[in-house]
Amino acid sequence: MSRWAVFFDVENTSRAQHVDEVMRELGIADGNRPTEFVALGNWRVIGDDTARLLARHGARLVHSAPVPGVKDWSDLRIAAAAGLWLGHARPGDRLDLVSDDRAFDAVGDVAASLGVSFRRLSYRLRSTAR
């Protein structure tokens, strides 16, 4: 069975309503397929409603400001986590990354070279598929 992972940069889309819309577009909200779902952000500034919504749908909430004085490392954490996931990926697996940051298109290039389906989504931009 193919694997599916979603990495969600909550710093870009942190309003609960927007997060819910993106999860519906991804198909996470229906819960029909096992998913490795990771939501990264600075949870000190992201609302409790958003955190509860993500957790209710099985997201692992990762705090991206690891030390006092560091505002946010979410992009680096997402890139590293996606890279690790791709290291175990097989053709036919699927990786979705929710972020406005186009730098993650490089993750899509690696995914494509491995035969992994990749989409970068954004609440503002919607889907960019590879």
N, C-alpha and C. Protein backbone atom coordinates (compact mmCIF):
# COMPACT_ATOMS: atom_id res chain seq x y z
N MET A 1 0.84 -1.18 0.00
CA MET A 1 0.00 0.00 0.00
C MET A 1 0.88 1.25 0.00
N SER A 2 0.50 2.23 -0.79
CA SER A 2 1.28 3.45 -0.86
C SER A 2 1.11 4.28 0.41
N ARG A 3 2.14 5.06 0.70
CA ARG A 3 2.11 5.92 1.89
C ARG A 3 1.75 7.33 1.48
N TRP A 4 1.22 8.10 2.44
CA TRP A 4 0.85 9.48 2.19
C TRP A 4 1.27 10.32 3.39
N ALA A 5 1.97 11.41 3.11
CA ALA A 5 2.37 12.34 4.17
C ALA A 5 1.94 13.75 3.80
N VAL A 6 1.55 14.49 4.82
CA VAL A 6 1.20 15.90 4.66
C VAL A 6 2.01 16.69 5.69
N PHE A 7 2.75 17.68 5.21
CA PHE A 7 3.46 18.61 6.08
C PHE A 7 2.78 19.96 5.92
N PHE A 8 2.30 20.52 7.03
CA PHE A 8 1.48 21.72 7.02
C PHE A 8 2.22 22.84 7.74
N ASP A 9 2.58 23.89 6.99
CA ASP A 9 3.23 25.06 7.56
C ASP A 9 2.14 25.98 8.09
N VAL A 10 1.83 25.84 9.37
CA VAL A 10 0.70 26.54 9.97
C VAL A 10 0.97 28.04 10.09
N GLU A 11 2.22 28.44 10.01
CA GLU A 11 2.55 29.87 10.06
C GLU A 11 1.90 30.62 8.89
N ASN A 12 1.75 29.97 7.74
CA ASN A 12 1.18 30.62 6.56
C ASN A 12 -0.34 30.67 6.59
N THR A 13 -0.95 29.68 7.17
CA THR A 13 -2.41 29.55 7.18
C THR A 13 -2.82 29.09 8.56
N SER A 14 -3.07 30.04 9.45
CA SER A 14 -3.32 29.63 10.83
C SER A 14 -4.75 29.85 11.29
N ARG A 15 -5.59 30.48 10.50
CA ARG A 15 -7.00 30.63 10.89
C ARG A 15 -7.69 29.28 10.75
N ALA A 16 -8.43 28.89 11.77
CA ALA A 16 -9.06 27.57 11.78
C ALA A 16 -9.93 27.34 10.54
N GLN A 17 -10.66 28.34 10.11
CA GLN A 17 -11.52 28.20 8.93
C GLN A 17 -10.68 27.88 7.69
N HIS A 18 -9.55 28.57 7.52
CA HIS A 18 -8.68 28.34 6.36
C HIS A 18 -8.03 26.96 6.44
N VAL A 19 -7.59 26.57 7.62
CA VAL A 19 -6.98 25.25 7.80
C VAL A 19 -7.99 24.17 7.45
N ASP A 20 -9.23 24.34 7.89
CA ASP A 20 -10.28 23.37 7.60
C ASP A 20 -10.52 23.25 6.09
N GLU A 21 -10.53 24.38 5.37
CA GLU A 21 -10.73 24.36 3.93
C GLU A 21 -9.60 23.61 3.22
N VAL A 22 -8.36 23.83 3.64
CA VAL A 22 -7.22 23.15 3.02
C VAL A 22 -7.28 21.66 3.33
N MET A 23 -7.64 21.29 4.56
CA MET A 23 -7.73 19.86 4.89
C MET A 23 -8.82 19.18 4.08
N ARG A 24 -9.92 19.87 3.83
CA ARG A 24 -10.98 19.31 2.98
C ARG A 24 -10.48 19.11 1.56
N GLU A 25 -9.75 20.09 1.03
CA GLU A 25 -9.20 19.96 -0.33
C GLU A 25 -8.24 18.79 -0.41
N LEU A 26 -7.44 18.58 0.64
CA LEU A 26 -6.51 17.46 0.66
C LEU A 26 -7.23 16.12 0.81
N GLY A 27 -8.38 16.14 1.43
CA GLY A 27 -9.09 14.89 1.71
C GLY A 27 -8.77 14.33 3.08
N ILE A 28 -8.12 15.12 3.92
CA ILE A 28 -7.80 14.66 5.27
C ILE A 28 -9.04 14.63 6.14
N ALA A 29 -9.92 15.59 5.93
CA ALA A 29 -11.10 15.72 6.79
C ALA A 29 -12.00 14.49 6.76
N ASP A 30 -11.98 13.73 5.64
CA ASP A 30 -12.86 12.56 5.58
C ASP A 30 -12.24 11.33 6.25
N GLY A 31 -10.94 11.33 6.47
CA GLY A 31 -10.27 10.26 7.20
C GLY A 31 -10.30 8.90 6.52
N ASN A 32 -10.43 8.88 5.20
CA ASN A 32 -10.53 7.61 4.48
C ASN A 32 -9.19 6.93 4.22
N ARG A 33 -8.08 7.62 4.43
CA ARG A 33 -6.78 7.04 4.10
C ARG A 33 -5.79 7.35 5.21
N PRO A 34 -5.04 6.34 5.66
CA PRO A 34 -4.03 6.62 6.69
C PRO A 34 -3.02 7.64 6.18
N THR A 35 -2.72 8.61 7.02
CA THR A 35 -1.86 9.72 6.62
C THR A 35 -0.89 10.05 7.73
N GLU A 36 0.37 10.27 7.37
CA GLU A 36 1.31 10.85 8.30
C GLU A 36 1.13 12.36 8.16
N PHE A 37 0.54 12.97 9.17
CA PHE A 37 0.13 14.37 9.11
C PHE A 37 0.88 15.16 10.17
N VAL A 38 1.73 16.09 9.72
CA VAL A 38 2.57 16.87 10.63
C VAL A 38 2.27 18.36 10.41
N ALA A 39 1.90 19.05 11.48
CA ALA A 39 1.63 20.49 11.42
C ALA A 39 2.72 21.20 12.22
N LEU A 40 3.43 22.10 11.55
CA LEU A 40 4.55 22.80 12.19
C LEU A 40 4.27 24.29 12.29
N GLY A 41 4.62 24.86 13.43
CA GLY A 41 4.46 26.29 13.62
C GLY A 41 4.85 26.69 15.02
N ASN A 42 4.83 27.97 15.26
CA ASN A 42 5.10 28.50 16.59
C ASN A 42 3.77 28.50 17.34
N TRP A 43 3.56 27.49 18.16
CA TRP A 43 2.28 27.29 18.82
C TRP A 43 2.00 28.34 19.89
N ARG A 44 2.96 29.16 20.22
CA ARG A 44 2.71 30.26 21.15
C ARG A 44 1.90 31.37 20.49
N VAL A 45 1.92 31.44 19.16
CA VAL A 45 1.20 32.50 18.46
C VAL A 45 0.04 31.98 17.61
N ILE A 46 -0.08 30.68 17.46
CA ILE A 46 -1.18 30.09 16.68
C ILE A 46 -2.31 29.78 17.64
N GLY A 47 -3.53 30.08 17.24
CA GLY A 47 -4.70 29.92 18.12
C GLY A 47 -4.98 28.49 18.53
N ASP A 48 -5.59 28.37 19.71
CA ASP A 48 -5.97 27.06 20.25
C ASP A 48 -6.98 26.35 19.36
N ASP A 49 -7.90 27.09 18.75
CA ASP A 49 -8.89 26.47 17.86
C ASP A 49 -8.22 25.75 16.71
N THR A 50 -7.20 26.37 16.14
CA THR A 50 -6.47 25.76 15.03
C THR A 50 -5.74 24.52 15.49
N ALA A 51 -5.09 24.59 16.63
CA ALA A 51 -4.36 23.43 17.17
C ALA A 51 -5.32 22.27 17.44
N ARG A 52 -6.46 22.57 18.03
CA ARG A 52 -7.44 21.50 18.32
C ARG A 52 -7.99 20.89 17.03
N LEU A 53 -8.26 21.72 16.03
CA LEU A 53 -8.76 21.22 14.75
C LEU A 53 -7.76 20.27 14.12
N LEU A 54 -6.51 20.67 14.06
CA LEU A 54 -5.47 19.82 13.47
C LEU A 54 -5.30 18.53 14.26
N ALA A 55 -5.26 18.63 15.57
CA ALA A 55 -5.09 17.43 16.40
C ALA A 55 -6.27 16.48 16.24
N ARG A 56 -7.48 17.03 16.12
CA ARG A 56 -8.67 16.19 15.94
C ARG A 56 -8.58 15.35 14.67
N HIS A 57 -7.84 15.84 13.68
CA HIS A 57 -7.67 15.11 12.42
C HIS A 57 -6.37 14.33 12.37
N GLY A 58 -5.75 14.15 13.52
CA GLY A 58 -4.59 13.27 13.60
C GLY A 58 -3.25 13.92 13.37
N ALA A 59 -3.18 15.24 13.31
CA ALA A 59 -1.91 15.91 13.07
C ALA A 59 -1.01 15.81 14.29
N ARG A 60 0.26 15.58 14.02
CA ARG A 60 1.29 15.69 15.07
C ARG A 60 1.72 17.15 15.06
N LEU A 61 1.54 17.84 16.19
CA LEU A 61 1.84 19.26 16.29
C LEU A 61 3.29 19.43 16.72
N VAL A 62 4.10 20.07 15.86
CA VAL A 62 5.52 20.26 16.13
C VAL A 62 5.77 21.75 16.31
N HIS A 63 6.39 22.08 17.42
CA HIS A 63 6.73 23.47 17.71
C HIS A 63 8.01 23.83 16.97
N SER A 64 7.97 24.94 16.22
CA SER A 64 9.10 25.26 15.35
C SER A 64 10.00 26.37 15.88
N ALA A 65 9.76 26.82 17.09
CA ALA A 65 10.65 27.81 17.70
C ALA A 65 11.35 27.13 18.87
N PRO A 66 12.43 26.40 18.60
CA PRO A 66 12.99 25.47 19.58
C PRO A 66 13.71 26.10 20.76
N VAL A 67 14.15 27.34 20.64
CA VAL A 67 14.88 27.95 21.75
C VAL A 67 14.38 29.38 21.95
N PRO A 68 14.45 29.89 23.18
CA PRO A 68 14.02 31.28 23.40
C PRO A 68 14.80 32.24 22.51
N GLY A 69 14.10 33.22 21.99
CA GLY A 69 14.73 34.21 21.14
C GLY A 69 14.71 33.87 19.66
N VAL A 70 14.47 32.61 19.33
CA VAL A 70 14.35 32.20 17.93
C VAL A 70 12.88 32.26 17.57
N LYS A 71 12.56 33.09 16.61
CA LYS A 71 11.16 33.31 16.26
C LYS A 71 10.51 32.07 15.63
N ASP A 72 11.17 31.49 14.63
CA ASP A 72 10.53 30.39 13.92
C ASP A 72 11.52 29.69 13.00
N TRP A 73 11.50 28.37 13.04
CA TRP A 73 12.32 27.57 12.13
C TRP A 73 11.44 26.63 11.32
N SER A 74 10.18 26.99 11.10
CA SER A 74 9.25 26.04 10.48
C SER A 74 9.71 25.60 9.09
N ASP A 75 10.22 26.51 8.26
CA ASP A 75 10.64 26.12 6.91
C ASP A 75 11.77 25.10 6.94
N LEU A 76 12.75 25.33 7.78
CA LEU A 76 13.86 24.38 7.91
C LEU A 76 13.38 23.04 8.45
N ARG A 77 12.53 23.07 9.46
CA ARG A 77 12.01 21.83 10.04
C ARG A 77 11.19 21.04 9.02
N ILE A 78 10.38 21.74 8.23
CA ILE A 78 9.57 21.07 7.21
C ILE A 78 10.47 20.45 6.15
N ALA A 79 11.44 21.20 5.66
CA ALA A 79 12.34 20.68 4.63
C ALA A 79 13.09 19.45 5.12
N ALA A 80 13.58 19.50 6.35
CA ALA A 80 14.31 18.35 6.91
C ALA A 80 13.39 17.15 7.07
N ALA A 81 12.20 17.37 7.61
CA ALA A 81 11.26 16.26 7.83
C ALA A 81 10.80 15.66 6.49
N ALA A 82 10.52 16.51 5.51
CA ALA A 82 10.12 16.01 4.19
C ALA A 82 11.25 15.23 3.55
N GLY A 83 12.48 15.71 3.71
CA GLY A 83 13.64 14.99 3.17
C GLY A 83 13.80 13.62 3.80
N LEU A 84 13.62 13.55 5.10
CA LEU A 84 13.70 12.25 5.79
C LEU A 84 12.60 11.33 5.30
N TRP A 85 11.39 11.85 5.15
CA TRP A 85 10.29 11.03 4.67
C TRP A 85 10.57 10.52 3.26
N LEU A 86 11.08 11.39 2.41
CA LEU A 86 11.39 10.99 1.03
C LEU A 86 12.49 9.93 0.99
N GLY A 87 13.36 9.92 1.99
CA GLY A 87 14.42 8.91 2.05
C GLY A 87 13.88 7.50 2.17
N HIS A 88 12.63 7.36 2.63
CA HIS A 88 11.99 6.04 2.76
C HIS A 88 10.84 5.85 1.77
N ALA A 89 10.65 6.83 0.89
CA ALA A 89 9.52 6.79 -0.03
C ALA A 89 9.78 5.83 -1.19
N ARG A 90 8.68 5.37 -1.76
CA ARG A 90 8.73 4.49 -2.93
C ARG A 90 7.84 5.06 -4.02
N PRO A 91 8.08 4.69 -5.27
CA PRO A 91 7.19 5.14 -6.34
C PRO A 91 5.73 4.84 -5.98
N GLY A 92 4.88 5.81 -6.23
CA GLY A 92 3.46 5.66 -5.92
C GLY A 92 3.05 6.29 -4.59
N ASP A 93 4.03 6.60 -3.73
CA ASP A 93 3.71 7.31 -2.50
C ASP A 93 3.30 8.74 -2.84
N ARG A 94 2.70 9.41 -1.85
CA ARG A 94 2.20 10.77 -2.07
C ARG A 94 2.68 11.70 -0.95
N LEU A 95 3.12 12.89 -1.34
CA LEU A 95 3.57 13.90 -0.39
C LEU A 95 2.88 15.21 -0.73
N ASP A 96 2.17 15.77 0.26
CA ASP A 96 1.55 17.08 0.11
C ASP A 96 2.20 18.01 1.11
N LEU A 97 2.51 19.22 0.66
CA LEU A 97 3.13 20.20 1.52
C LEU A 97 2.30 21.48 1.44
N VAL A 98 1.81 21.94 2.57
CA VAL A 98 0.96 23.12 2.63
C VAL A 98 1.80 24.30 3.09
N SER A 99 2.12 25.19 2.17
CA SER A 99 2.95 26.36 2.48
C SER A 99 2.89 27.33 1.31
N ASP A 100 3.08 28.61 1.61
CA ASP A 100 3.17 29.62 0.55
C ASP A 100 4.59 29.67 -0.02
N ASP A 101 5.53 29.04 0.62
CA ASP A 101 6.94 29.16 0.28
C ASP A 101 7.29 28.33 -0.95
N ARG A 102 7.64 29.00 -2.04
CA ARG A 102 8.00 28.31 -3.29
C ARG A 102 9.30 27.54 -3.19
N ALA A 103 10.09 27.81 -2.17
CA ALA A 103 11.34 27.07 -2.01
C ALA A 103 11.06 25.58 -1.86
N PHE A 104 9.87 25.24 -1.37
CA PHE A 104 9.53 23.83 -1.21
C PHE A 104 9.28 23.12 -2.53
N ASP A 105 9.23 23.87 -3.62
CA ASP A 105 9.12 23.21 -4.93
C ASP A 105 10.34 22.33 -5.18
N ALA A 106 11.46 22.62 -4.52
CA ALA A 106 12.65 21.76 -4.62
C ALA A 106 12.35 20.39 -4.03
N VAL A 107 11.53 20.34 -2.98
CA VAL A 107 11.10 19.05 -2.42
C VAL A 107 10.31 18.29 -3.48
N GLY A 108 9.50 19.02 -4.23
CA GLY A 108 8.73 18.41 -5.32
C GLY A 108 9.62 17.84 -6.40
N ASP A 109 10.73 18.50 -6.70
CA ASP A 109 11.67 17.99 -7.70
C ASP A 109 12.26 16.66 -7.24
N VAL A 110 12.63 16.58 -5.97
CA VAL A 110 13.17 15.32 -5.42
C VAL A 110 12.09 14.25 -5.45
N ALA A 111 10.89 14.61 -5.03
CA ALA A 111 9.79 13.64 -5.04
C ALA A 111 9.57 13.08 -6.43
N ALA A 112 9.53 13.97 -7.44
CA ALA A 112 9.31 13.52 -8.82
C ALA A 112 10.40 12.57 -9.28
N SER A 113 11.64 12.83 -8.88
CA SER A 113 12.74 11.95 -9.28
C SER A 113 12.62 10.56 -8.66
N LEU A 114 11.85 10.46 -7.56
CA LEU A 114 11.65 9.18 -6.89
C LEU A 114 10.34 8.50 -7.28
N GLY A 115 9.56 9.15 -8.13
CA GLY A 115 8.26 8.59 -8.52
C GLY A 115 7.18 8.84 -7.48
N VAL A 116 7.40 9.83 -6.63
CA VAL A 116 6.45 10.17 -5.57
C VAL A 116 5.58 11.34 -6.06
N SER A 117 4.29 11.20 -5.91
CA SER A 117 3.36 12.27 -6.27
C SER A 117 3.52 13.41 -5.26
N PHE A 118 3.61 14.65 -5.75
CA PHE A 118 3.83 15.80 -4.88
C PHE A 118 2.88 16.93 -5.24
N ARG A 119 2.33 17.54 -4.20
CA ARG A 119 1.54 18.76 -4.38
C ARG A 119 1.94 19.75 -3.30
N ARG A 120 2.14 20.99 -3.71
CA ARG A 120 2.29 22.07 -2.74
C ARG A 120 1.02 22.88 -2.80
N LEU A 121 0.37 23.00 -1.66
CA LEU A 121 -0.87 23.74 -1.58
C LEU A 121 -0.71 24.94 -0.67
N SER A 122 -1.58 25.90 -0.87
CA SER A 122 -1.64 27.07 -0.02
C SER A 122 -3.08 27.52 0.03
N TYR A 123 -3.50 28.03 1.17
CA TYR A 123 -4.85 28.58 1.23
C TYR A 123 -4.99 29.70 0.21
N ARG A 124 -3.97 30.51 0.09
CA ARG A 124 -4.01 31.65 -0.83
C ARG A 124 -3.82 31.22 -2.28
N LEU A 125 -2.93 30.28 -2.51
CA LEU A 125 -2.53 29.94 -3.88
C LEU A 125 -3.19 28.69 -4.43
N ARG A 126 -3.78 27.89 -3.55
CA ARG A 126 -4.34 26.57 -3.87
C ARG A 126 -3.25 25.64 -4.39
N SER A 127 -3.53 24.79 -5.34
CA SER A 127 -2.64 23.65 -5.63
C SER A 127 -1.57 23.94 -6.69
N THR A 128 -0.38 23.39 -6.43
CA THR A 128 0.69 23.33 -7.42
C THR A 128 1.14 21.88 -7.45
N ALA A 129 0.77 21.15 -8.51
CA ALA A 129 1.05 19.70 -8.55
C ALA A 129 2.28 19.41 -9.40
N ARG A 130 2.94 18.25 -9.08
CA ARG A 130 4.07 17.77 -9.86
C ARG A 130 3.77 16.35 -10.27
